[in-house]
């Protein structure tokens, strides 16, 4: 059984991260970043509730986990967990999370 699912816009975010990393640091670095993120998804799926709640961003149904420099946001009260976003931590997160969640 899958322990997590990646929602639609998050798949595009993952591709954008890989593409940016490949362009700026090379294919090996892009693949390593993708592997780190995939490993984090699996870890979160195996241990739902990990991470922290960001009261300033979303309600308690959501948790956040850092895979430097990216922040993973996921819905923790459903099984499998739902990965709703992965965003660079330097972005204006309040504005980013104003968009509706799928």
Foldseek 3Di string as FASTA:
>chain_A
DDLEDEDDVAVVVLVVQLVVCCVPPNNVRSVVLSVLVVVVLRVCSVPFPPAADDPLQDDPQWHWDDPPQKIWIWGRPDGSIYTFHIGGNVDPRNVVRVDDTD
